[in-house]
Amino acid sequence: MVDEFSFNDGDMHAEGFDTNGDGVVDEVFVDSNGDGLIDTLLLDTNGDGSFDAFVSDTDGDGLVDAIASDTDNDGRFDVFAVDTTGDGQFDTEVADANGDGQVDTFARDINGDGFADVVAFDTNADGRSDVVMGDTNANGTLDAIAMDNEHATELDVFAIRFDDSDLKNA
């Protein structure tokens, strides 16, 4: 078993460590461009020898740009969060909530205010969004919803709130 390693190839450098003493590497630190800064961290959080989480700084600014996790331990990442703008805030999140290998939850902050502007769900695992909600006036509140209740690709419900009143009373 490997409990520690180091790898150098030009600008690429990686080191792995066994942090719990079981003889299997649990953490791998990667500097992919030779600048001396770690830009990717791979983790084995459940101790089975597979890497089930990663954190990455993809643009080299020192801020985390992407994370992923295998929450149900099936060997596939289920949750992803990405900072597409480089401002240090995750603006896109996707998840495989039922573990079937397909994305069934999606959220995106389009205008950079820190709140999800679009949220979509695939409730019947057919690969299409059945429920889509949106923040149409950028106030941080989801105020529009579209639903396909019958899963027949036709819109069954659409509701939108044009003011700050409670959607329950609309």
N, C-alpha and C. Protein backbone atom coordinates (compact mmCIF):
# COMPACT_ATOMS: atom_id res chain seq x y z
N MET A 1 0.83 -1.18 0.00
CA MET A 1 0.00 0.00 0.00
C MET A 1 0.88 1.25 0.00
N VAL A 2 0.37 2.29 -0.60
CA VAL A 2 1.08 3.57 -0.66
C VAL A 2 0.48 4.49 0.39
N ASP A 3 1.32 4.97 1.31
CA ASP A 3 0.78 5.89 2.31
C ASP A 3 1.27 7.31 2.10
N GLU A 4 2.20 7.50 1.15
CA GLU A 4 2.68 8.84 0.84
C GLU A 4 3.39 8.78 -0.50
N PHE A 5 3.24 9.83 -1.31
CA PHE A 5 3.98 9.88 -2.57
C PHE A 5 4.22 11.33 -2.95
N SER A 6 5.16 11.51 -3.85
CA SER A 6 5.45 12.81 -4.42
C SER A 6 5.75 12.61 -5.89
N PHE A 7 5.27 13.52 -6.74
CA PHE A 7 5.41 13.39 -8.18
C PHE A 7 5.79 14.75 -8.75
N ASN A 8 6.81 14.78 -9.59
CA ASN A 8 7.22 16.00 -10.28
C ASN A 8 7.40 15.70 -11.76
N ASP A 9 6.81 16.53 -12.60
CA ASP A 9 6.97 16.38 -14.04
C ASP A 9 6.90 17.79 -14.65
N GLY A 10 8.04 18.42 -14.81
CA GLY A 10 8.05 19.79 -15.32
C GLY A 10 7.39 20.72 -14.32
N ASP A 11 6.34 21.39 -14.77
CA ASP A 11 5.61 22.31 -13.90
C ASP A 11 4.65 21.60 -12.96
N MET A 12 4.26 20.38 -13.28
CA MET A 12 3.28 19.63 -12.49
C MET A 12 3.93 19.02 -11.25
N HIS A 13 3.30 19.22 -10.10
CA HIS A 13 3.77 18.62 -8.86
C HIS A 13 2.56 18.14 -8.07
N ALA A 14 2.64 16.93 -7.54
CA ALA A 14 1.56 16.37 -6.73
C ALA A 14 2.15 15.63 -5.54
N GLU A 15 1.47 15.71 -4.42
CA GLU A 15 1.86 14.98 -3.23
C GLU A 15 0.62 14.37 -2.62
N GLY A 16 0.75 13.12 -2.17
CA GLY A 16 -0.35 12.44 -1.52
C GLY A 16 0.03 11.98 -0.13
N PHE A 17 -0.96 11.97 0.78
CA PHE A 17 -0.71 11.62 2.16
C PHE A 17 -1.80 10.72 2.72
N ASP A 18 -1.38 9.80 3.58
CA ASP A 18 -2.30 8.95 4.35
C ASP A 18 -2.52 9.66 5.67
N THR A 19 -3.66 10.31 5.83
CA THR A 19 -3.90 11.11 7.03
C THR A 19 -4.51 10.33 8.18
N ASN A 20 -5.08 9.16 7.90
CA ASN A 20 -5.71 8.39 8.98
C ASN A 20 -4.93 7.13 9.35
N GLY A 21 -3.77 6.90 8.71
CA GLY A 21 -2.90 5.79 9.09
C GLY A 21 -3.33 4.42 8.65
N ASP A 22 -4.22 4.32 7.64
CA ASP A 22 -4.67 3.00 7.18
C ASP A 22 -3.84 2.46 6.02
N GLY A 23 -2.81 3.20 5.60
CA GLY A 23 -1.94 2.75 4.52
C GLY A 23 -2.41 3.13 3.14
N VAL A 24 -3.50 3.90 3.04
CA VAL A 24 -4.04 4.33 1.75
C VAL A 24 -4.03 5.86 1.71
N VAL A 25 -3.61 6.42 0.59
CA VAL A 25 -3.57 7.88 0.44
C VAL A 25 -4.99 8.44 0.55
N ASP A 26 -5.15 9.45 1.42
CA ASP A 26 -6.46 10.08 1.64
C ASP A 26 -6.55 11.48 1.04
N GLU A 27 -5.42 12.14 0.86
CA GLU A 27 -5.40 13.50 0.33
C GLU A 27 -4.30 13.62 -0.71
N VAL A 28 -4.63 14.27 -1.82
CA VAL A 28 -3.63 14.56 -2.86
C VAL A 28 -3.69 16.06 -3.14
N PHE A 29 -2.55 16.70 -3.02
CA PHE A 29 -2.41 18.12 -3.30
C PHE A 29 -1.70 18.26 -4.64
N VAL A 30 -2.26 19.08 -5.54
CA VAL A 30 -1.72 19.22 -6.89
C VAL A 30 -1.43 20.68 -7.20
N ASP A 31 -0.22 20.94 -7.68
CA ASP A 31 0.16 22.24 -8.25
C ASP A 31 0.38 21.97 -9.73
N SER A 32 -0.60 22.29 -10.55
CA SER A 32 -0.54 21.89 -11.95
C SER A 32 0.28 22.83 -12.83
N ASN A 33 0.62 24.03 -12.35
CA ASN A 33 1.33 24.97 -13.21
C ASN A 33 2.68 25.41 -12.64
N GLY A 34 3.15 24.81 -11.56
CA GLY A 34 4.48 25.09 -11.04
C GLY A 34 4.66 26.43 -10.35
N ASP A 35 3.56 27.06 -9.95
CA ASP A 35 3.69 28.36 -9.28
C ASP A 35 3.86 28.24 -7.77
N GLY A 36 3.91 27.00 -7.26
CA GLY A 36 4.09 26.78 -5.83
C GLY A 36 2.81 26.84 -5.03
N LEU A 37 1.68 27.06 -5.68
CA LEU A 37 0.39 27.11 -5.01
C LEU A 37 -0.43 25.87 -5.35
N ILE A 38 -1.08 25.33 -4.36
CA ILE A 38 -1.96 24.17 -4.58
C ILE A 38 -3.20 24.65 -5.32
N ASP A 39 -3.50 24.03 -6.46
CA ASP A 39 -4.70 24.43 -7.18
C ASP A 39 -5.77 23.35 -7.22
N THR A 40 -5.45 22.13 -6.78
CA THR A 40 -6.45 21.07 -6.70
C THR A 40 -6.16 20.21 -5.49
N LEU A 41 -7.22 19.87 -4.77
CA LEU A 41 -7.14 18.98 -3.63
C LEU A 41 -8.13 17.85 -3.85
N LEU A 42 -7.64 16.61 -3.85
CA LEU A 42 -8.49 15.43 -3.96
C LEU A 42 -8.58 14.79 -2.59
N LEU A 43 -9.78 14.34 -2.20
CA LEU A 43 -9.99 13.80 -0.87
C LEU A 43 -10.69 12.45 -0.91
N ASP A 44 -10.25 11.53 -0.06
CA ASP A 44 -10.97 10.29 0.22
C ASP A 44 -11.58 10.48 1.60
N THR A 45 -12.83 10.92 1.66
CA THR A 45 -13.45 11.26 2.94
C THR A 45 -14.05 10.06 3.66
N ASN A 46 -14.30 8.96 2.93
CA ASN A 46 -14.91 7.80 3.58
C ASN A 46 -13.94 6.66 3.83
N GLY A 47 -12.67 6.83 3.46
CA GLY A 47 -11.65 5.84 3.78
C GLY A 47 -11.67 4.57 2.97
N ASP A 48 -12.31 4.58 1.79
CA ASP A 48 -12.38 3.36 0.98
C ASP A 48 -11.35 3.32 -0.14
N GLY A 49 -10.47 4.31 -0.21
CA GLY A 49 -9.43 4.34 -1.23
C GLY A 49 -9.81 5.04 -2.51
N SER A 50 -11.03 5.54 -2.60
CA SER A 50 -11.44 6.29 -3.79
C SER A 50 -11.59 7.76 -3.41
N PHE A 51 -11.28 8.63 -4.35
CA PHE A 51 -11.40 10.06 -4.09
C PHE A 51 -12.84 10.48 -4.34
N ASP A 52 -13.52 10.90 -3.29
CA ASP A 52 -14.94 11.23 -3.39
C ASP A 52 -15.24 12.72 -3.24
N ALA A 53 -14.20 13.54 -3.21
CA ALA A 53 -14.40 14.99 -3.16
C ALA A 53 -13.18 15.67 -3.76
N PHE A 54 -13.42 16.79 -4.41
CA PHE A 54 -12.30 17.61 -4.87
C PHE A 54 -12.64 19.09 -4.75
N VAL A 55 -11.60 19.86 -4.59
CA VAL A 55 -11.68 21.31 -4.52
C VAL A 55 -10.62 21.83 -5.47
N SER A 56 -10.95 22.85 -6.28
CA SER A 56 -9.99 23.29 -7.28
C SER A 56 -10.05 24.81 -7.49
N ASP A 57 -8.87 25.40 -7.66
CA ASP A 57 -8.71 26.79 -8.09
C ASP A 57 -8.29 26.71 -9.55
N THR A 58 -9.23 26.82 -10.46
CA THR A 58 -8.96 26.60 -11.88
C THR A 58 -8.30 27.78 -12.58
N ASP A 59 -8.44 29.00 -12.01
CA ASP A 59 -7.87 30.15 -12.69
C ASP A 59 -6.65 30.74 -11.98
N GLY A 60 -6.17 30.10 -10.91
CA GLY A 60 -4.94 30.50 -10.26
C GLY A 60 -4.98 31.78 -9.44
N ASP A 61 -6.19 32.23 -9.06
CA ASP A 61 -6.29 33.47 -8.29
C ASP A 61 -6.29 33.24 -6.78
N GLY A 62 -6.16 31.99 -6.36
CA GLY A 62 -6.14 31.67 -4.93
C GLY A 62 -7.51 31.43 -4.33
N LEU A 63 -8.58 31.59 -5.12
CA LEU A 63 -9.94 31.35 -4.67
C LEU A 63 -10.45 30.03 -5.25
N VAL A 64 -11.22 29.30 -4.48
CA VAL A 64 -11.79 28.04 -4.95
C VAL A 64 -12.81 28.34 -6.05
N ASP A 65 -12.67 27.67 -7.19
CA ASP A 65 -13.58 27.86 -8.32
C ASP A 65 -14.52 26.69 -8.54
N ALA A 66 -14.16 25.51 -8.05
CA ALA A 66 -15.00 24.34 -8.28
C ALA A 66 -14.86 23.36 -7.12
N ILE A 67 -15.98 22.77 -6.74
CA ILE A 67 -15.98 21.68 -5.76
C ILE A 67 -16.90 20.59 -6.27
N ALA A 68 -16.62 19.37 -5.88
CA ALA A 68 -17.49 18.25 -6.23
C ALA A 68 -17.42 17.23 -5.12
N SER A 69 -18.52 16.48 -4.95
CA SER A 69 -18.57 15.49 -3.90
C SER A 69 -19.43 14.31 -4.32
N ASP A 70 -19.00 13.10 -3.95
CA ASP A 70 -19.78 11.89 -4.14
C ASP A 70 -20.49 11.63 -2.81
N THR A 71 -21.71 12.14 -2.66
CA THR A 71 -22.40 12.10 -1.38
C THR A 71 -23.02 10.75 -1.05
N ASP A 72 -23.27 9.90 -2.06
CA ASP A 72 -23.88 8.60 -1.78
C ASP A 72 -22.90 7.44 -1.94
N ASN A 73 -21.61 7.75 -2.12
CA ASN A 73 -20.54 6.74 -2.18
C ASN A 73 -20.75 5.68 -3.26
N ASP A 74 -21.25 6.10 -4.43
CA ASP A 74 -21.42 5.16 -5.54
C ASP A 74 -20.31 5.28 -6.58
N GLY A 75 -19.30 6.12 -6.29
CA GLY A 75 -18.18 6.29 -7.21
C GLY A 75 -18.38 7.38 -8.24
N ARG A 76 -19.54 8.07 -8.20
CA ARG A 76 -19.81 9.17 -9.13
C ARG A 76 -20.06 10.44 -8.32
N PHE A 77 -19.55 11.56 -8.81
CA PHE A 77 -19.81 12.83 -8.13
C PHE A 77 -21.28 13.19 -8.27
N ASP A 78 -21.89 13.62 -7.17
CA ASP A 78 -23.32 13.93 -7.14
C ASP A 78 -23.60 15.43 -7.03
N VAL A 79 -22.69 16.18 -6.44
CA VAL A 79 -22.89 17.60 -6.21
C VAL A 79 -21.70 18.37 -6.77
N PHE A 80 -22.00 19.39 -7.54
CA PHE A 80 -20.97 20.26 -8.11
C PHE A 80 -21.34 21.71 -7.82
N ALA A 81 -20.36 22.52 -7.50
CA ALA A 81 -20.56 23.97 -7.38
C ALA A 81 -19.39 24.63 -8.10
N VAL A 82 -19.71 25.65 -8.91
CA VAL A 82 -18.70 26.28 -9.74
C VAL A 82 -18.83 27.80 -9.65
N ASP A 83 -17.69 28.49 -9.56
CA ASP A 83 -17.63 29.94 -9.66
C ASP A 83 -17.17 30.25 -11.08
N THR A 84 -18.11 30.62 -11.94
CA THR A 84 -17.78 30.86 -13.35
C THR A 84 -17.27 32.28 -13.60
N THR A 85 -17.43 33.17 -12.63
CA THR A 85 -17.04 34.57 -12.84
C THR A 85 -15.72 34.93 -12.17
N GLY A 86 -15.21 34.07 -11.27
CA GLY A 86 -13.96 34.35 -10.59
C GLY A 86 -14.06 35.33 -9.44
N ASP A 87 -15.28 35.56 -8.94
CA ASP A 87 -15.46 36.52 -7.85
C ASP A 87 -15.45 35.87 -6.47
N GLY A 88 -15.22 34.57 -6.41
CA GLY A 88 -15.16 33.88 -5.12
C GLY A 88 -16.50 33.37 -4.64
N GLN A 89 -17.56 33.56 -5.41
CA GLN A 89 -18.88 33.06 -5.04
C GLN A 89 -19.31 31.99 -6.04
N PHE A 90 -19.84 30.89 -5.53
CA PHE A 90 -20.35 29.85 -6.42
C PHE A 90 -21.65 30.35 -7.04
N ASP A 91 -21.67 30.39 -8.38
CA ASP A 91 -22.86 30.89 -9.06
C ASP A 91 -23.61 29.80 -9.81
N THR A 92 -23.05 28.61 -9.87
CA THR A 92 -23.74 27.50 -10.52
C THR A 92 -23.58 26.26 -9.65
N GLU A 93 -24.70 25.63 -9.34
CA GLU A 93 -24.70 24.38 -8.58
C GLU A 93 -25.55 23.37 -9.32
N VAL A 94 -25.06 22.16 -9.41
CA VAL A 94 -25.83 21.07 -9.98
C VAL A 94 -25.72 19.87 -9.06
N ALA A 95 -26.75 19.03 -9.08
CA ALA A 95 -26.74 17.86 -8.20
C ALA A 95 -27.48 16.70 -8.84
N ASP A 96 -27.04 15.51 -8.51
CA ASP A 96 -27.73 14.26 -8.83
C ASP A 96 -28.31 13.77 -7.51
N ALA A 97 -29.50 14.25 -7.17
CA ALA A 97 -30.09 13.99 -5.85
C ALA A 97 -30.53 12.54 -5.66
N ASN A 98 -30.90 11.86 -6.75
CA ASN A 98 -31.39 10.49 -6.60
C ASN A 98 -30.35 9.42 -6.96
N GLY A 99 -29.14 9.84 -7.32
CA GLY A 99 -28.05 8.90 -7.55
C GLY A 99 -28.12 8.10 -8.83
N ASP A 100 -28.88 8.57 -9.83
CA ASP A 100 -29.00 7.82 -11.07
C ASP A 100 -27.96 8.21 -12.12
N GLY A 101 -27.07 9.13 -11.77
CA GLY A 101 -26.02 9.54 -12.69
C GLY A 101 -26.40 10.69 -13.58
N GLN A 102 -27.63 11.21 -13.47
CA GLN A 102 -28.07 12.35 -14.27
C GLN A 102 -28.31 13.55 -13.35
N VAL A 103 -28.00 14.72 -13.84
CA VAL A 103 -28.27 15.94 -13.08
C VAL A 103 -29.77 16.14 -12.99
N ASP A 104 -30.28 16.29 -11.76
CA ASP A 104 -31.71 16.54 -11.59
C ASP A 104 -32.01 17.82 -10.84
N THR A 105 -30.99 18.52 -10.41
CA THR A 105 -31.17 19.82 -9.75
C THR A 105 -30.10 20.77 -10.28
N PHE A 106 -30.53 21.96 -10.63
CA PHE A 106 -29.63 22.96 -11.20
C PHE A 106 -30.00 24.32 -10.61
N ALA A 107 -29.01 25.09 -10.19
CA ALA A 107 -29.24 26.46 -9.72
C ALA A 107 -28.15 27.36 -10.29
N ARG A 108 -28.54 28.58 -10.66
CA ARG A 108 -27.57 29.49 -11.26
C ARG A 108 -27.85 30.93 -10.83
N ASP A 109 -26.82 31.63 -10.38
CA ASP A 109 -26.88 33.05 -10.08
C ASP A 109 -26.37 33.77 -11.32
N ILE A 110 -27.27 34.30 -12.11
CA ILE A 110 -26.92 34.92 -13.39
C ILE A 110 -26.38 36.33 -13.21
N ASN A 111 -26.96 37.09 -12.28
CA ASN A 111 -26.59 38.50 -12.16
C ASN A 111 -25.54 38.78 -11.09
N GLY A 112 -25.02 37.76 -10.41
CA GLY A 112 -23.92 37.93 -9.47
C GLY A 112 -24.28 38.53 -8.13
N ASP A 113 -25.57 38.49 -7.75
CA ASP A 113 -25.96 39.07 -6.47
C ASP A 113 -25.87 38.07 -5.31
N GLY A 114 -25.44 36.84 -5.60
CA GLY A 114 -25.31 35.84 -4.55
C GLY A 114 -26.55 35.00 -4.33
N PHE A 115 -27.62 35.26 -5.07
CA PHE A 115 -28.86 34.49 -4.96
C PHE A 115 -29.13 33.76 -6.27
N ALA A 116 -29.69 32.58 -6.18
CA ALA A 116 -30.03 31.82 -7.38
C ALA A 116 -31.12 32.55 -8.16
N ASP A 117 -30.87 32.77 -9.44
CA ASP A 117 -31.86 33.41 -10.30
C ASP A 117 -32.68 32.38 -11.07
N VAL A 118 -32.12 31.22 -11.29
CA VAL A 118 -32.82 30.13 -11.97
C VAL A 118 -32.55 28.85 -11.18
N VAL A 119 -33.63 28.13 -10.88
CA VAL A 119 -33.52 26.83 -10.23
C VAL A 119 -34.39 25.86 -11.02
N ALA A 120 -33.84 24.70 -11.36
CA ALA A 120 -34.59 23.72 -12.14
C ALA A 120 -34.47 22.34 -11.51
N PHE A 121 -35.55 21.57 -11.60
CA PHE A 121 -35.58 20.22 -11.04
C PHE A 121 -36.13 19.24 -12.08
N ASP A 122 -35.52 18.07 -12.16
CA ASP A 122 -36.05 16.95 -12.94
C ASP A 122 -36.65 15.98 -11.92
N THR A 123 -37.96 16.03 -11.73
CA THR A 123 -38.61 15.28 -10.64
C THR A 123 -38.88 13.82 -10.98
N ASN A 124 -38.83 13.44 -12.26
CA ASN A 124 -39.14 12.05 -12.62
C ASN A 124 -37.98 11.35 -13.32
N ALA A 125 -36.79 11.92 -13.28
CA ALA A 125 -35.56 11.32 -13.81
C ALA A 125 -35.62 10.98 -15.29
N ASP A 126 -36.31 11.82 -16.09
CA ASP A 126 -36.36 11.59 -17.53
C ASP A 126 -35.36 12.45 -18.29
N GLY A 127 -34.54 13.23 -17.56
CA GLY A 127 -33.53 14.05 -18.19
C GLY A 127 -34.01 15.42 -18.59
N ARG A 128 -35.27 15.77 -18.30
CA ARG A 128 -35.83 17.09 -18.61
C ARG A 128 -36.29 17.77 -17.33
N SER A 129 -36.15 19.07 -17.29
CA SER A 129 -36.61 19.82 -16.12
C SER A 129 -38.13 19.87 -16.10
N ASP A 130 -38.71 19.47 -14.97
CA ASP A 130 -40.17 19.49 -14.81
C ASP A 130 -40.64 20.73 -14.05
N VAL A 131 -39.76 21.27 -13.23
CA VAL A 131 -40.07 22.47 -12.46
C VAL A 131 -38.91 23.45 -12.65
N VAL A 132 -39.26 24.67 -13.05
CA VAL A 132 -38.26 25.73 -13.21
C VAL A 132 -38.77 26.96 -12.46
N MET A 133 -37.91 27.50 -11.61
CA MET A 133 -38.26 28.71 -10.86
C MET A 133 -37.25 29.79 -11.18
N GLY A 134 -37.69 31.05 -11.12
CA GLY A 134 -36.77 32.13 -11.45
C GLY A 134 -37.02 33.38 -10.64
N ASP A 135 -35.98 34.18 -10.49
CA ASP A 135 -36.04 35.50 -9.86
C ASP A 135 -36.04 36.50 -11.00
N THR A 136 -37.21 36.99 -11.37
CA THR A 136 -37.33 37.83 -12.56
C THR A 136 -36.98 39.29 -12.32
N ASN A 137 -36.99 39.74 -11.05
CA ASN A 137 -36.72 41.16 -10.79
C ASN A 137 -35.46 41.38 -9.95
N ALA A 138 -34.61 40.36 -9.81
CA ALA A 138 -33.30 40.45 -9.15
C ALA A 138 -33.37 40.94 -7.71
N ASN A 139 -34.44 40.56 -6.98
CA ASN A 139 -34.54 40.96 -5.59
C ASN A 139 -34.14 39.83 -4.63
N GLY A 140 -33.65 38.72 -5.17
CA GLY A 140 -33.21 37.61 -4.34
C GLY A 140 -34.31 36.64 -3.97
N THR A 141 -35.51 36.83 -4.49
CA THR A 141 -36.65 35.95 -4.21
C THR A 141 -37.12 35.30 -5.50
N LEU A 142 -37.29 33.98 -5.46
CA LEU A 142 -37.82 33.29 -6.64
C LEU A 142 -39.29 33.67 -6.79
N ASP A 143 -39.65 34.32 -7.90
CA ASP A 143 -40.99 34.85 -8.05
C ASP A 143 -41.70 34.38 -9.32
N ALA A 144 -41.13 33.41 -10.02
CA ALA A 144 -41.80 32.84 -11.18
C ALA A 144 -41.60 31.33 -11.13
N ILE A 145 -42.60 30.59 -11.55
CA ILE A 145 -42.51 29.13 -11.57
C ILE A 145 -43.20 28.60 -12.81
N ALA A 146 -42.60 27.60 -13.42
CA ALA A 146 -43.19 26.89 -14.55
C ALA A 146 -43.08 25.40 -14.23
N MET A 147 -44.17 24.67 -14.46
CA MET A 147 -44.18 23.25 -14.12
C MET A 147 -44.83 22.42 -15.22
N ASP A 148 -44.30 21.23 -15.41
CA ASP A 148 -44.90 20.22 -16.28
C ASP A 148 -45.32 19.07 -15.36
N ASN A 149 -46.51 19.16 -14.78
CA ASN A 149 -46.99 18.18 -13.80
C ASN A 149 -47.22 16.80 -14.40
N GLU A 150 -47.64 16.75 -15.65
CA GLU A 150 -47.98 15.47 -16.27
C GLU A 150 -46.79 14.84 -16.99
N HIS A 151 -45.65 15.50 -17.00
CA HIS A 151 -44.43 15.00 -17.64
C HIS A 151 -44.66 14.69 -19.11
N ALA A 152 -45.45 15.54 -19.77
CA ALA A 152 -45.77 15.34 -21.18
C ALA A 152 -45.13 16.41 -22.06
N THR A 153 -44.11 17.08 -21.57
CA THR A 153 -43.35 18.13 -22.25
C THR A 153 -44.17 19.39 -22.52
N GLU A 154 -45.40 19.47 -21.99
CA GLU A 154 -46.20 20.68 -22.15
C GLU A 154 -46.29 21.38 -20.81
N LEU A 155 -46.24 22.70 -20.84
CA LEU A 155 -46.31 23.50 -19.63
C LEU A 155 -47.71 23.42 -19.05
N ASP A 156 -47.82 22.98 -17.77
CA ASP A 156 -49.12 22.86 -17.11
C ASP A 156 -49.41 24.03 -16.18
N VAL A 157 -48.39 24.55 -15.54
CA VAL A 157 -48.57 25.63 -14.58
C VAL A 157 -47.52 26.69 -14.84
N PHE A 158 -47.94 27.93 -14.87
CA PHE A 158 -47.00 29.05 -14.92
C PHE A 158 -47.55 30.14 -14.01
N ALA A 159 -46.73 30.63 -13.10
CA ALA A 159 -47.14 31.70 -12.20
C ALA A 159 -45.98 32.68 -12.07
N ILE A 160 -46.32 33.95 -11.99
CA ILE A 160 -45.30 34.98 -11.82
C ILE A 160 -45.84 36.05 -10.88
N ARG A 161 -44.97 36.59 -10.05
CA ARG A 161 -45.33 37.67 -9.14
C ARG A 161 -44.64 38.92 -9.67
N PHE A 162 -45.40 39.99 -9.87
CA PHE A 162 -44.86 41.22 -10.43
C PHE A 162 -44.47 42.25 -9.37
N ASP A 163 -44.82 42.00 -8.11
CA ASP A 163 -44.44 42.92 -7.04
C ASP A 163 -43.85 42.09 -5.90
N ASP A 164 -43.62 42.70 -4.76
CA ASP A 164 -43.02 42.00 -3.63
C ASP A 164 -44.03 41.35 -2.71
N SER A 165 -45.29 41.17 -3.17
CA SER A 165 -46.30 40.53 -2.34
C SER A 165 -45.99 39.05 -2.21
N ASP A 166 -46.55 38.45 -1.22
CA ASP A 166 -46.34 37.03 -0.95
C ASP A 166 -47.00 36.20 -2.05
N LEU A 167 -46.25 35.30 -2.66
CA LEU A 167 -46.78 34.49 -3.75
C LEU A 167 -47.96 33.65 -3.30
N LYS A 168 -48.04 33.28 -2.01
CA LYS A 168 -49.16 32.49 -1.50
C LYS A 168 -50.47 33.27 -1.62
N ASN A 169 -50.41 34.59 -1.56
CA ASN A 169 -51.62 35.39 -1.63
C ASN A 169 -51.95 35.84 -3.05
N ALA A 170 -51.09 35.50 -3.98
CA ALA A 170 -51.30 35.97 -5.36
C ALA A 170 -52.39 35.18 -6.03
